[in-house]
Amino acid sequence: MIKTFTPNDVIRYAYHETLEDENETIEHILLTDPEMQTLYQDALMLRHQVPLTVLHPSDRVTDRIMAYSRYFPQGG
């Protein structure tokens, strides 16, 4: 059976989430398909930029969530 690879598979490959038996085929696709190669390069760039983003809410957002939650009784 021949597996068709999708852009999602290329993104999984960029994040090291593919199985070993998929890697060889994906690597061949990346060498022969310029569109998939561009997608792969973009995914790598984004993967390296994610740690630079803020991954936690600001104190203001946390305070507003806590204030909102006080309006609801505990236990339903």
C-alpha atoms as a PDB file:
ATOM      1  CA  MET A   1       0.000   0.000   0.000  1.00  0.00           C
ATOM      2  CA  ILE A   2       1.343   3.438  -0.942  1.00  0.00           C
ATOM      3  CA  LYS A   3       0.861   6.125   1.689  1.00  0.00           C
ATOM      4  CA  THR A   4       0.047   9.611   0.515  1.00  0.00           C
ATOM      5  CA  PHE A   5       1.809  12.250   2.565  1.00  0.00           C
ATOM      6  CA  THR A   6       0.142  15.540   3.365  1.00  0.00           C
ATOM      7  CA  PRO A   7       1.418  18.937   4.510  1.00  0.00           C
ATOM      8  CA  ASN A   8       0.462  17.831   8.017  1.00  0.00           C
ATOM      9  CA  ASP A   9       2.940  14.954   7.746  1.00  0.00           C
ATOM     10  CA  VAL A  10       5.701  17.386   6.765  1.00  0.00           C
ATOM     11  CA  ILE A  11       4.888  19.545   9.793  1.00  0.00           C
ATOM     12  CA  ARG A  12       4.956  16.457  12.012  1.00  0.00           C
ATOM     13  CA  TYR A  13       8.378  15.667  10.537  1.00  0.00           C
ATOM     14  CA  ALA A  14       9.625  19.181  11.365  1.00  0.00           C
ATOM     15  CA  TYR A  15       8.558  18.633  14.979  1.00  0.00           C
ATOM     16  CA  HIS A  16      10.129  15.129  15.119  1.00  0.00           C
ATOM     17  CA  GLU A  17       6.718  13.483  15.493  1.00  0.00           C
ATOM     18  CA  THR A  18       6.944  11.028  12.592  1.00  0.00           C
ATOM     19  CA  LEU A  19       7.754   7.357  12.770  1.00  0.00           C
ATOM     20  CA  GLU A  20      11.102   6.109  11.524  1.00  0.00           C
ATOM     21  CA  ASP A  21       9.520   4.297   8.585  1.00  0.00           C
ATOM     22  CA  GLU A  22       7.872   7.563   7.458  1.00  0.00           C
ATOM     23  CA  ASN A  23      11.049   9.640   7.597  1.00  0.00           C
ATOM     24  CA  GLU A  24      12.720   8.239   4.491  1.00  0.00           C
ATOM     25  CA  THR A  25       9.667   8.857   2.330  1.00  0.00           C
ATOM     26  CA  ILE A  26       9.138  12.354   3.714  1.00  0.00           C
ATOM     27  CA  GLU A  27      12.804  13.181   3.146  1.00  0.00           C
ATOM     28  CA  HIS A  28      12.430  12.066  -0.484  1.00  0.00           C
ATOM     29  CA  ILE A  29       9.325  14.266  -0.838  1.00  0.00           C
ATOM     30  CA  LEU A  30      11.249  17.221   0.575  1.00  0.00           C
ATOM     31  CA  LEU A  31      13.976  16.719  -2.020  1.00  0.00           C
ATOM     32  CA  THR A  32      11.564  16.482  -4.943  1.00  0.00           C
ATOM     33  CA  ASP A  33       8.639  18.795  -4.094  1.00  0.00           C
ATOM     34  CA  PRO A  34       9.509  22.508  -3.799  1.00  0.00           C
ATOM     35  CA  GLU A  35       6.133  23.335  -2.221  1.00  0.00           C
ATOM     36  CA  MET A  36       6.611  20.784   0.550  1.00  0.00           C
ATOM     37  CA  GLN A  37      10.198  21.971   1.012  1.00  0.00           C
ATOM     38  CA  THR A  38       8.950  25.539   1.523  1.00  0.00           C
ATOM     39  CA  LEU A  39       6.356  24.302   4.012  1.00  0.00           C
ATOM     40  CA  TYR A  40       9.066  22.401   5.881  1.00  0.00           C
ATOM     41  CA  GLN A  41      11.347  25.460   6.026  1.00  0.00           C
ATOM     42  CA  ASP A  42       8.447  27.591   7.313  1.00  0.00           C
ATOM     43  CA  ALA A  43       7.617  24.994   9.969  1.00  0.00           C
ATOM     44  CA  LEU A  44      11.240  24.919  11.128  1.00  0.00           C
ATOM     45  CA  MET A  45      11.317  28.703  11.372  1.00  0.00           C
ATOM     46  CA  LEU A  46       8.091  28.741  13.395  1.00  0.00           C
ATOM     47  CA  ARG A  47       9.315  25.941  15.639  1.00  0.00           C
ATOM     48  CA  HIS A  48      12.339  28.022  16.572  1.00  0.00           C
ATOM     49  CA  GLN A  49      10.266  31.160  17.136  1.00  0.00           C
ATOM     50  CA  VAL A  50       7.712  29.593  19.483  1.00  0.00           C
ATOM     51  CA  PRO A  51       9.994  29.716  22.551  1.00  0.00           C
ATOM     52  CA  LEU A  52      10.288  33.465  21.971  1.00  0.00           C
ATOM     53  CA  THR A  53       6.547  34.019  22.399  1.00  0.00           C
ATOM     54  CA  VAL A  54       4.825  34.685  25.693  1.00  0.00           C
ATOM     55  CA  LEU A  55       3.414  31.420  26.981  1.00  0.00           C
ATOM     56  CA  HIS A  56       1.726  32.733  30.106  1.00  0.00           C
ATOM     57  CA  PRO A  57      -0.973  35.352  30.688  1.00  0.00           C
ATOM     58  CA  SER A  58      -0.167  38.744  32.073  1.00  0.00           C
ATOM     59  CA  ASP A  59      -0.997  39.551  35.710  1.00  0.00           C
ATOM     60  CA  ARG A  60      -3.873  41.716  34.480  1.00  0.00           C
ATOM     61  CA  VAL A  61      -5.454  38.810  32.611  1.00  0.00           C
ATOM     62  CA  THR A  62      -5.007  36.468  35.581  1.00  0.00           C
ATOM     63  CA  ASP A  63      -6.561  39.048  37.932  1.00  0.00           C
ATOM     64  CA  ARG A  64      -9.568  39.475  35.635  1.00  0.00           C
ATOM     65  CA  ILE A  65     -10.110  35.712  35.424  1.00  0.00           C
ATOM     66  CA  MET A  66      -9.915  35.396  39.203  1.00  0.00           C
ATOM     67  CA  ALA A  67     -12.339  38.295  39.687  1.00  0.00           C
ATOM     68  CA  TYR A  68     -14.765  36.749  37.216  1.00  0.00           C
ATOM     69  CA  SER A  69     -14.581  33.356  38.947  1.00  0.00           C
ATOM     70  CA  ARG A  70     -15.584  34.911  42.295  1.00  0.00           C
ATOM     71  CA  TYR A  71     -19.073  35.489  40.890  1.00  0.00           C
ATOM     72  CA  PHE A  72     -19.750  31.739  40.767  1.00  0.00           C
ATOM     73  CA  PRO A  73     -20.295  29.616  43.912  1.00  0.00           C
ATOM     74  CA  GLN A  74     -17.960  26.685  44.497  1.00  0.00           C
ATOM     75  CA  GLY A  75     -19.323  23.229  43.781  1.00  0.00           C
ATOM     76  CA  GLY A  76     -21.947  24.305  41.261  1.00  0.00           C
END
